[in-house]
Amino acid sequence: MAKVSIGVPVYNVAEYLPQCLDSILNQTFQDFEVILVDDGSTDNSFEICQEYVAKDSRFRLIHQKNKGIAGVRNTIIKNVKTEYIAWVDSDDWIEENYLKLLVDTQEKTDADMVTMGHKVYQDGTVYIANYAERFGKYQNSEGAIPAKYRIEDLIRFNLMLPAYWGE
């Protein structure tokens, strides 16, 4: 059994999907499975997913009628059998050390949830999101944010930490 499940919601993202899935394949941490859920795409996203399932046994594909993002995430969660779950949106791509950083940080800190910043690619330029000013005062010496602040942020959006795809 793999250590990490990567949940990838898929809906009409054929233009971006290969880059996303290739970035997952190129991870330095290789003990993972990928759960792709096609939410009734009308473009060729489903066919692209099938190609990746055919070439790598760690990829699993579920096709369902359109249920929206919450329905897709619920389907993914129901199919997770691993110790950890990470999320990658199908129109994004991840750095090759993404999973290694998440797993190493969790094992070092024993955190219930690990999150990280992100980069934005726009008009040929990469912008790095800097959350240190927003939540740095809440971090402990390991760079972890206590759960009470993370939960408060989920309720009030005070810290504006990344969404599912950054965890």
N, C-alpha and C. Protein backbone atom coordinates (compact mmCIF):
# COMPACT_ATOMS: atom_id res chain seq x y z
N MET A 1 0.84 -1.19 0.00
CA MET A 1 0.00 0.00 0.00
C MET A 1 0.88 1.25 0.00
N ALA A 2 0.49 2.22 -0.77
CA ALA A 2 1.23 3.48 -0.86
C ALA A 2 1.09 4.28 0.44
N LYS A 3 1.98 5.23 0.64
CA LYS A 3 1.95 6.08 1.83
C LYS A 3 1.03 7.29 1.63
N VAL A 4 0.98 7.83 0.40
CA VAL A 4 0.23 9.05 0.13
C VAL A 4 -0.73 8.82 -1.04
N SER A 5 -1.95 9.27 -0.87
CA SER A 5 -2.90 9.35 -1.98
C SER A 5 -2.93 10.80 -2.44
N ILE A 6 -2.86 11.00 -3.73
CA ILE A 6 -2.97 12.33 -4.30
C ILE A 6 -4.33 12.41 -4.97
N GLY A 7 -5.19 13.27 -4.44
CA GLY A 7 -6.51 13.45 -5.02
C GLY A 7 -6.48 14.53 -6.08
N VAL A 8 -6.95 14.16 -7.28
CA VAL A 8 -6.97 15.11 -8.40
C VAL A 8 -8.38 15.19 -8.97
N PRO A 9 -9.12 16.25 -8.64
CA PRO A 9 -10.43 16.45 -9.26
C PRO A 9 -10.25 16.87 -10.72
N VAL A 10 -11.03 16.29 -11.63
CA VAL A 10 -10.88 16.58 -13.05
C VAL A 10 -12.23 16.97 -13.65
N TYR A 11 -12.25 18.15 -14.29
CA TYR A 11 -13.44 18.58 -15.01
C TYR A 11 -13.05 19.56 -16.10
N ASN A 12 -13.11 19.13 -17.34
CA ASN A 12 -12.85 19.98 -18.51
C ASN A 12 -11.53 20.76 -18.41
N VAL A 13 -10.44 20.02 -18.19
CA VAL A 13 -9.13 20.64 -18.05
C VAL A 13 -8.11 20.03 -19.02
N ALA A 14 -8.57 19.57 -20.15
CA ALA A 14 -7.69 18.88 -21.10
C ALA A 14 -6.45 19.70 -21.45
N GLU A 15 -6.58 21.00 -21.51
CA GLU A 15 -5.45 21.86 -21.87
C GLU A 15 -4.32 21.80 -20.84
N TYR A 16 -4.67 21.62 -19.58
CA TYR A 16 -3.69 21.68 -18.49
C TYR A 16 -3.32 20.32 -17.90
N LEU A 17 -4.17 19.34 -18.10
CA LEU A 17 -4.05 18.06 -17.42
C LEU A 17 -2.72 17.33 -17.64
N PRO A 18 -2.19 17.24 -18.85
CA PRO A 18 -0.91 16.53 -19.01
C PRO A 18 0.22 17.14 -18.17
N GLN A 19 0.31 18.46 -18.13
CA GLN A 19 1.36 19.10 -17.32
C GLN A 19 1.17 18.76 -15.85
N CYS A 20 -0.06 18.77 -15.38
CA CYS A 20 -0.36 18.42 -13.99
C CYS A 20 0.08 17.00 -13.69
N LEU A 21 -0.37 16.05 -14.50
CA LEU A 21 -0.09 14.64 -14.24
C LEU A 21 1.39 14.31 -14.43
N ASP A 22 2.05 14.96 -15.38
CA ASP A 22 3.49 14.76 -15.53
C ASP A 22 4.24 15.26 -14.29
N SER A 23 3.79 16.36 -13.71
CA SER A 23 4.46 16.88 -12.51
C SER A 23 4.31 15.91 -11.34
N ILE A 24 3.21 15.19 -11.31
CA ILE A 24 3.03 14.17 -10.27
C ILE A 24 3.98 12.99 -10.53
N LEU A 25 4.06 12.57 -11.77
CA LEU A 25 4.96 11.47 -12.11
C LEU A 25 6.42 11.78 -11.77
N ASN A 26 6.79 13.04 -11.82
CA ASN A 26 8.18 13.45 -11.62
C ASN A 26 8.55 13.72 -10.16
N GLN A 27 7.74 13.28 -9.23
CA GLN A 27 8.03 13.50 -7.82
C GLN A 27 9.25 12.72 -7.37
N THR A 28 10.06 13.34 -6.50
CA THR A 28 11.20 12.64 -5.92
C THR A 28 10.72 11.60 -4.91
N PHE A 29 9.63 11.85 -4.23
CA PHE A 29 9.00 10.90 -3.32
C PHE A 29 8.03 10.07 -4.16
N GLN A 30 8.28 8.78 -4.25
CA GLN A 30 7.55 7.94 -5.21
C GLN A 30 6.51 7.02 -4.58
N ASP A 31 6.38 7.01 -3.26
CA ASP A 31 5.46 6.09 -2.59
C ASP A 31 4.05 6.70 -2.52
N PHE A 32 3.41 6.79 -3.68
CA PHE A 32 2.10 7.42 -3.76
C PHE A 32 1.20 6.70 -4.75
N GLU A 33 -0.08 7.00 -4.63
CA GLU A 33 -1.07 6.62 -5.63
C GLU A 33 -1.80 7.89 -6.03
N VAL A 34 -2.40 7.89 -7.18
CA VAL A 34 -3.15 9.04 -7.66
C VAL A 34 -4.60 8.60 -7.88
N ILE A 35 -5.52 9.33 -7.26
CA ILE A 35 -6.93 9.06 -7.46
C ILE A 35 -7.49 10.20 -8.31
N LEU A 36 -7.74 9.90 -9.57
CA LEU A 36 -8.32 10.86 -10.50
C LEU A 36 -9.83 10.66 -10.51
N VAL A 37 -10.57 11.72 -10.31
CA VAL A 37 -12.02 11.63 -10.42
C VAL A 37 -12.48 12.58 -11.51
N ASP A 38 -12.93 11.99 -12.62
CA ASP A 38 -13.48 12.79 -13.71
C ASP A 38 -14.95 13.04 -13.40
N ASP A 39 -15.29 14.31 -13.30
CA ASP A 39 -16.63 14.72 -12.87
C ASP A 39 -17.53 15.02 -14.07
N GLY A 40 -17.55 14.10 -15.02
CA GLY A 40 -18.42 14.27 -16.18
C GLY A 40 -17.89 15.25 -17.20
N SER A 41 -16.59 15.27 -17.41
CA SER A 41 -16.00 16.19 -18.38
C SER A 41 -16.62 16.00 -19.76
N THR A 42 -16.73 17.11 -20.49
CA THR A 42 -17.26 17.07 -21.86
C THR A 42 -16.16 17.28 -22.90
N ASP A 43 -14.93 17.55 -22.44
CA ASP A 43 -13.79 17.61 -23.36
C ASP A 43 -13.07 16.26 -23.31
N ASN A 44 -11.81 16.17 -23.69
CA ASN A 44 -11.15 14.88 -23.67
C ASN A 44 -10.32 14.64 -22.40
N SER A 45 -10.69 15.27 -21.30
CA SER A 45 -10.01 15.07 -20.03
C SER A 45 -10.04 13.60 -19.60
N PHE A 46 -11.19 12.95 -19.76
CA PHE A 46 -11.33 11.55 -19.37
C PHE A 46 -10.36 10.66 -20.14
N GLU A 47 -10.22 10.91 -21.43
CA GLU A 47 -9.31 10.12 -22.26
C GLU A 47 -7.85 10.34 -21.84
N ILE A 48 -7.50 11.56 -21.50
CA ILE A 48 -6.14 11.85 -21.02
C ILE A 48 -5.89 11.08 -19.72
N CYS A 49 -6.86 11.08 -18.82
CA CYS A 49 -6.73 10.32 -17.58
C CYS A 49 -6.51 8.84 -17.87
N GLN A 50 -7.26 8.31 -18.83
CA GLN A 50 -7.12 6.90 -19.20
C GLN A 50 -5.70 6.59 -19.67
N GLU A 51 -5.09 7.51 -20.40
CA GLU A 51 -3.71 7.31 -20.88
C GLU A 51 -2.74 7.15 -19.71
N TYR A 52 -2.90 7.98 -18.68
CA TYR A 52 -2.01 7.91 -17.52
C TYR A 52 -2.26 6.65 -16.70
N VAL A 53 -3.50 6.24 -16.59
CA VAL A 53 -3.82 4.99 -15.90
C VAL A 53 -3.18 3.81 -16.62
N ALA A 54 -3.18 3.85 -17.94
CA ALA A 54 -2.61 2.76 -18.74
C ALA A 54 -1.08 2.69 -18.61
N LYS A 55 -0.43 3.83 -18.40
CA LYS A 55 1.04 3.81 -18.35
C LYS A 55 1.63 3.74 -16.95
N ASP A 56 0.81 3.95 -15.90
CA ASP A 56 1.35 3.90 -14.54
C ASP A 56 0.30 3.29 -13.61
N SER A 57 0.64 2.18 -13.00
CA SER A 57 -0.33 1.45 -12.15
C SER A 57 -0.69 2.19 -10.87
N ARG A 58 0.04 3.24 -10.54
CA ARG A 58 -0.30 4.02 -9.35
C ARG A 58 -1.49 4.95 -9.58
N PHE A 59 -1.89 5.11 -10.83
CA PHE A 59 -3.01 5.98 -11.17
C PHE A 59 -4.30 5.18 -11.21
N ARG A 60 -5.33 5.69 -10.53
CA ARG A 60 -6.67 5.09 -10.57
C ARG A 60 -7.63 6.16 -11.08
N LEU A 61 -8.62 5.74 -11.83
CA LEU A 61 -9.57 6.67 -12.43
C LEU A 61 -10.99 6.28 -12.08
N ILE A 62 -11.72 7.27 -11.61
CA ILE A 62 -13.14 7.10 -11.33
C ILE A 62 -13.88 8.12 -12.18
N HIS A 63 -14.90 7.67 -12.89
CA HIS A 63 -15.73 8.57 -13.70
C HIS A 63 -17.09 8.64 -13.05
N GLN A 64 -17.60 9.85 -12.89
CA GLN A 64 -18.92 10.02 -12.29
C GLN A 64 -19.67 11.13 -12.99
N LYS A 65 -20.98 11.13 -12.83
CA LYS A 65 -21.78 12.24 -13.32
C LYS A 65 -21.41 13.47 -12.52
N ASN A 66 -21.57 14.63 -13.12
CA ASN A 66 -21.15 15.88 -12.49
C ASN A 66 -21.82 16.08 -11.13
N LYS A 67 -20.97 16.18 -10.11
CA LYS A 67 -21.42 16.41 -8.73
C LYS A 67 -20.81 17.68 -8.15
N GLY A 68 -19.96 18.34 -8.91
CA GLY A 68 -19.29 19.53 -8.40
C GLY A 68 -18.08 19.15 -7.55
N ILE A 69 -17.31 20.16 -7.16
CA ILE A 69 -16.04 19.92 -6.49
C ILE A 69 -16.22 19.20 -5.15
N ALA A 70 -17.25 19.53 -4.40
CA ALA A 70 -17.47 18.84 -3.12
C ALA A 70 -17.76 17.36 -3.35
N GLY A 71 -18.56 17.06 -4.36
CA GLY A 71 -18.86 15.67 -4.67
C GLY A 71 -17.62 14.90 -5.11
N VAL A 72 -16.75 15.56 -5.87
CA VAL A 72 -15.50 14.93 -6.31
C VAL A 72 -14.61 14.65 -5.11
N ARG A 73 -14.43 15.65 -4.25
CA ARG A 73 -13.56 15.45 -3.08
C ARG A 73 -14.10 14.34 -2.19
N ASN A 74 -15.40 14.27 -2.01
CA ASN A 74 -15.98 13.18 -1.22
C ASN A 74 -15.70 11.83 -1.85
N THR A 75 -15.80 11.74 -3.17
CA THR A 75 -15.49 10.48 -3.87
C THR A 75 -14.03 10.09 -3.64
N ILE A 76 -13.14 11.06 -3.74
CA ILE A 76 -11.72 10.78 -3.51
C ILE A 76 -11.51 10.27 -2.09
N ILE A 77 -12.05 10.99 -1.11
CA ILE A 77 -11.86 10.60 0.30
C ILE A 77 -12.37 9.19 0.55
N LYS A 78 -13.50 8.82 -0.04
CA LYS A 78 -14.05 7.47 0.13
C LYS A 78 -13.13 6.39 -0.43
N ASN A 79 -12.25 6.75 -1.34
CA ASN A 79 -11.37 5.78 -1.99
C ASN A 79 -9.94 5.78 -1.48
N VAL A 80 -9.65 6.60 -0.49
CA VAL A 80 -8.30 6.67 0.08
C VAL A 80 -8.09 5.51 1.05
N LYS A 81 -6.97 4.82 0.86
CA LYS A 81 -6.61 3.72 1.76
C LYS A 81 -5.20 3.93 2.33
N THR A 82 -4.64 5.09 2.12
CA THR A 82 -3.26 5.39 2.53
C THR A 82 -3.23 6.17 3.83
N GLU A 83 -2.03 6.35 4.34
CA GLU A 83 -1.83 7.09 5.59
C GLU A 83 -2.10 8.59 5.42
N TYR A 84 -1.71 9.13 4.26
CA TYR A 84 -1.84 10.56 4.02
C TYR A 84 -2.59 10.82 2.72
N ILE A 85 -3.17 12.02 2.64
CA ILE A 85 -3.78 12.47 1.40
C ILE A 85 -3.26 13.87 1.08
N ALA A 86 -2.96 14.09 -0.19
CA ALA A 86 -2.56 15.41 -0.69
C ALA A 86 -3.49 15.74 -1.84
N TRP A 87 -3.63 17.01 -2.11
CA TRP A 87 -4.54 17.47 -3.15
C TRP A 87 -3.78 18.25 -4.21
N VAL A 88 -4.09 17.99 -5.46
CA VAL A 88 -3.52 18.75 -6.57
C VAL A 88 -4.66 19.06 -7.53
N ASP A 89 -4.90 20.34 -7.77
CA ASP A 89 -5.91 20.71 -8.76
C ASP A 89 -5.41 20.38 -10.15
N SER A 90 -6.29 19.95 -11.00
CA SER A 90 -5.91 19.44 -12.32
C SER A 90 -5.46 20.53 -13.30
N ASP A 91 -5.60 21.77 -12.95
CA ASP A 91 -5.09 22.84 -13.80
C ASP A 91 -3.81 23.46 -13.22
N ASP A 92 -3.24 22.79 -12.21
CA ASP A 92 -2.00 23.23 -11.58
C ASP A 92 -0.91 22.18 -11.82
N TRP A 93 0.31 22.52 -11.47
CA TRP A 93 1.39 21.54 -11.45
C TRP A 93 2.20 21.77 -10.19
N ILE A 94 2.93 20.74 -9.79
CA ILE A 94 3.66 20.78 -8.53
C ILE A 94 5.16 20.62 -8.77
N GLU A 95 5.93 21.18 -7.85
CA GLU A 95 7.39 21.04 -7.90
C GLU A 95 7.74 19.59 -7.61
N GLU A 96 8.89 19.15 -8.08
CA GLU A 96 9.26 17.74 -7.95
C GLU A 96 9.47 17.28 -6.51
N ASN A 97 9.67 18.21 -5.57
CA ASN A 97 9.85 17.83 -4.17
C ASN A 97 8.62 18.09 -3.31
N TYR A 98 7.48 18.36 -3.93
CA TYR A 98 6.23 18.69 -3.22
C TYR A 98 5.87 17.62 -2.18
N LEU A 99 5.73 16.38 -2.61
CA LEU A 99 5.34 15.31 -1.67
C LEU A 99 6.40 15.07 -0.61
N LYS A 100 7.66 15.11 -0.99
CA LYS A 100 8.75 14.89 -0.02
C LYS A 100 8.69 15.95 1.09
N LEU A 101 8.49 17.20 0.71
CA LEU A 101 8.40 18.26 1.72
C LEU A 101 7.19 18.06 2.64
N LEU A 102 6.06 17.69 2.07
CA LEU A 102 4.86 17.48 2.90
C LEU A 102 5.07 16.33 3.88
N VAL A 103 5.56 15.19 3.37
CA VAL A 103 5.74 14.02 4.22
C VAL A 103 6.84 14.27 5.26
N ASP A 104 7.96 14.82 4.85
CA ASP A 104 9.04 15.09 5.79
C ASP A 104 8.60 16.05 6.89
N THR A 105 7.85 17.08 6.53
CA THR A 105 7.37 18.05 7.53
C THR A 105 6.41 17.39 8.50
N GLN A 106 5.52 16.56 7.99
CA GLN A 106 4.58 15.88 8.89
C GLN A 106 5.31 14.96 9.85
N GLU A 107 6.26 14.19 9.33
CA GLU A 107 6.98 13.26 10.19
C GLU A 107 7.86 13.97 11.21
N LYS A 108 8.39 15.12 10.84
CA LYS A 108 9.24 15.89 11.75
C LYS A 108 8.42 16.56 12.85
N THR A 109 7.23 17.05 12.50
CA THR A 109 6.43 17.83 13.45
C THR A 109 5.26 17.07 14.05
N ASP A 110 4.91 15.93 13.48
CA ASP A 110 3.73 15.15 13.88
C ASP A 110 2.45 15.99 13.75
N ALA A 111 2.43 16.86 12.78
CA ALA A 111 1.27 17.74 12.56
C ALA A 111 0.09 16.95 12.02
N ASP A 112 -1.10 17.40 12.36
CA ASP A 112 -2.31 16.79 11.80
C ASP A 112 -2.54 17.24 10.37
N MET A 113 -2.07 18.43 10.04
CA MET A 113 -2.23 18.99 8.71
C MET A 113 -0.98 19.78 8.35
N VAL A 114 -0.50 19.58 7.13
CA VAL A 114 0.67 20.31 6.65
C VAL A 114 0.23 21.11 5.42
N THR A 115 0.64 22.36 5.39
CA THR A 115 0.29 23.22 4.27
C THR A 115 1.55 23.96 3.82
N MET A 116 1.50 24.50 2.63
CA MET A 116 2.66 25.25 2.15
C MET A 116 2.20 26.38 1.24
N GLY A 117 3.10 27.28 0.96
CA GLY A 117 2.79 28.38 0.06
C GLY A 117 2.71 27.90 -1.38
N HIS A 118 2.61 28.84 -2.27
CA HIS A 118 2.48 28.48 -3.68
C HIS A 118 3.08 29.57 -4.56
N LYS A 119 3.24 29.20 -5.82
CA LYS A 119 3.69 30.14 -6.84
C LYS A 119 2.54 30.35 -7.81
N VAL A 120 2.48 31.53 -8.36
CA VAL A 120 1.46 31.84 -9.36
C VAL A 120 2.19 32.16 -10.67
N TYR A 121 1.77 31.51 -11.73
CA TYR A 121 2.34 31.75 -13.05
C TYR A 121 1.34 32.57 -13.85
N GLN A 122 1.74 33.77 -14.22
CA GLN A 122 0.82 34.65 -14.93
C GLN A 122 1.60 35.49 -15.93
N ASP A 123 1.13 35.51 -17.15
CA ASP A 123 1.75 36.31 -18.20
C ASP A 123 3.24 36.06 -18.33
N GLY A 124 3.65 34.79 -18.22
CA GLY A 124 5.05 34.43 -18.39
C GLY A 124 5.94 34.71 -17.20
N THR A 125 5.36 35.13 -16.09
CA THR A 125 6.13 35.46 -14.90
C THR A 125 5.68 34.59 -13.74
N VAL A 126 6.62 34.17 -12.89
CA VAL A 126 6.30 33.39 -11.70
C VAL A 126 6.34 34.32 -10.50
N TYR A 127 5.27 34.32 -9.73
CA TYR A 127 5.17 35.11 -8.50
C TYR A 127 5.12 34.14 -7.33
N ILE A 128 5.88 34.41 -6.29
CA ILE A 128 5.90 33.54 -5.11
C ILE A 128 5.04 34.18 -4.03
N ALA A 129 4.04 33.41 -3.55
CA ALA A 129 3.17 33.89 -2.48
C ALA A 129 3.96 33.82 -1.17
N ASN A 130 3.95 34.90 -0.41
CA ASN A 130 4.67 34.96 0.85
C ASN A 130 3.67 35.10 1.99
N TYR A 131 3.50 34.02 2.73
CA TYR A 131 2.54 34.03 3.84
C TYR A 131 3.20 34.36 5.17
N ALA A 132 4.51 34.52 5.17
CA ALA A 132 5.22 34.74 6.43
C ALA A 132 4.70 35.97 7.17
N GLU A 133 4.42 37.04 6.45
CA GLU A 133 3.93 38.24 7.10
C GLU A 133 2.56 38.02 7.73
N ARG A 134 1.74 37.18 7.09
CA ARG A 134 0.39 36.95 7.60
C ARG A 134 0.34 36.01 8.79
N PHE A 135 1.14 34.93 8.76
CA PHE A 135 1.00 33.96 9.83
C PHE A 135 2.30 33.65 10.57
N GLY A 136 3.38 34.33 10.24
CA GLY A 136 4.66 34.06 10.88
C GLY A 136 4.61 34.16 12.40
N LYS A 137 3.84 35.09 12.91
CA LYS A 137 3.78 35.26 14.37
C LYS A 137 3.10 34.09 15.07
N TYR A 138 2.38 33.25 14.32
CA TYR A 138 1.70 32.11 14.91
C TYR A 138 2.53 30.83 14.87
N GLN A 139 3.65 30.85 14.14
CA GLN A 139 4.46 29.64 13.96
C GLN A 139 5.25 29.30 15.21
N ASN A 140 5.48 28.01 15.39
CA ASN A 140 6.41 27.58 16.43
C ASN A 140 7.80 27.49 15.81
N SER A 141 8.75 27.01 16.55
CA SER A 141 10.13 26.98 16.06
C SER A 141 10.32 26.05 14.85
N GLU A 142 9.40 25.12 14.63
CA GLU A 142 9.48 24.22 13.49
C GLU A 142 8.79 24.80 12.25
N GLY A 143 8.21 25.99 12.39
CA GLY A 143 7.50 26.58 11.27
C GLY A 143 6.06 26.11 11.18
N ALA A 144 5.60 25.38 12.20
CA ALA A 144 4.23 24.86 12.20
C ALA A 144 3.29 25.86 12.87
N ILE A 145 2.06 25.87 12.41
CA ILE A 145 1.03 26.72 13.00
C ILE A 145 0.16 25.85 13.89
N PRO A 146 -0.02 26.22 15.16
CA PRO A 146 -0.89 25.42 16.03
C PRO A 146 -2.29 25.27 15.43
N ALA A 147 -2.90 24.13 15.67
CA ALA A 147 -4.21 23.80 15.08
C ALA A 147 -5.26 24.86 15.38
N LYS A 148 -5.24 25.44 16.57
CA LYS A 148 -6.29 26.41 16.91
C LYS A 148 -6.28 27.61 15.96
N TYR A 149 -5.10 28.01 15.49
CA TYR A 149 -5.03 29.13 14.55
C TYR A 149 -5.47 28.69 13.16
N ARG A 150 -5.12 27.49 12.78
CA ARG A 150 -5.53 26.96 11.46
C ARG A 150 -7.04 26.82 11.41
N ILE A 151 -7.64 26.30 12.46
CA ILE A 151 -9.10 26.14 12.51
C ILE A 151 -9.77 27.51 12.48
N GLU A 152 -9.24 28.44 13.26
CA GLU A 152 -9.79 29.80 13.25
C GLU A 152 -9.71 30.40 11.86
N ASP A 153 -8.60 30.17 11.16
CA ASP A 153 -8.46 30.69 9.81
C ASP A 153 -9.50 30.10 8.88
N LEU A 154 -9.77 28.80 9.02
CA LEU A 154 -10.79 28.18 8.18
C LEU A 154 -12.15 28.84 8.38
N ILE A 155 -12.41 29.28 9.61
CA ILE A 155 -13.70 29.90 9.92
C ILE A 155 -13.73 31.37 9.50
N ARG A 156 -12.70 32.11 9.82
CA ARG A 156 -12.69 33.55 9.60
C ARG A 156 -11.88 34.01 8.40
N PHE A 157 -11.07 33.13 7.81
CA PHE A 157 -10.18 33.48 6.71
C PHE A 157 -9.21 34.60 7.09
N ASN A 158 -8.78 34.62 8.34
CA ASN A 158 -7.84 35.64 8.80
C ASN A 158 -6.48 35.53 8.14
N LEU A 159 -5.95 34.32 8.08
CA LEU A 159 -4.58 34.14 7.64
C LEU A 159 -4.47 33.90 6.15
N MET A 160 -5.57 33.55 5.53
CA MET A 160 -5.61 33.32 4.08
C MET A 160 -4.59 32.28 3.65
N LEU A 161 -4.53 31.17 4.37
CA LEU A 161 -3.62 30.09 4.02
C LEU A 161 -4.14 29.37 2.79
N PRO A 162 -3.27 28.64 2.09
CA PRO A 162 -3.70 27.97 0.87
C PRO A 162 -4.87 27.03 1.06
N ALA A 163 -5.53 26.75 -0.03
CA ALA A 163 -6.70 25.89 -0.03
C ALA A 163 -6.28 24.43 -0.07
N TYR A 164 -7.22 23.55 -0.36
CA TYR A 164 -6.94 22.12 -0.37
C TYR A 164 -5.71 21.76 -1.16
N TRP A 165 -5.51 22.37 -2.30
CA TRP A 165 -4.41 21.98 -3.17
C TRP A 165 -3.04 22.29 -2.59
N GLY A 166 -2.95 22.99 -1.50
CA GLY A 166 -1.66 23.27 -0.87
C GLY A 166 -1.39 22.40 0.34
N GLU A 167 -2.17 21.33 0.51
CA GLU A 167 -2.04 20.50 1.72
C GLU A 167 -1.90 19.07 1.35
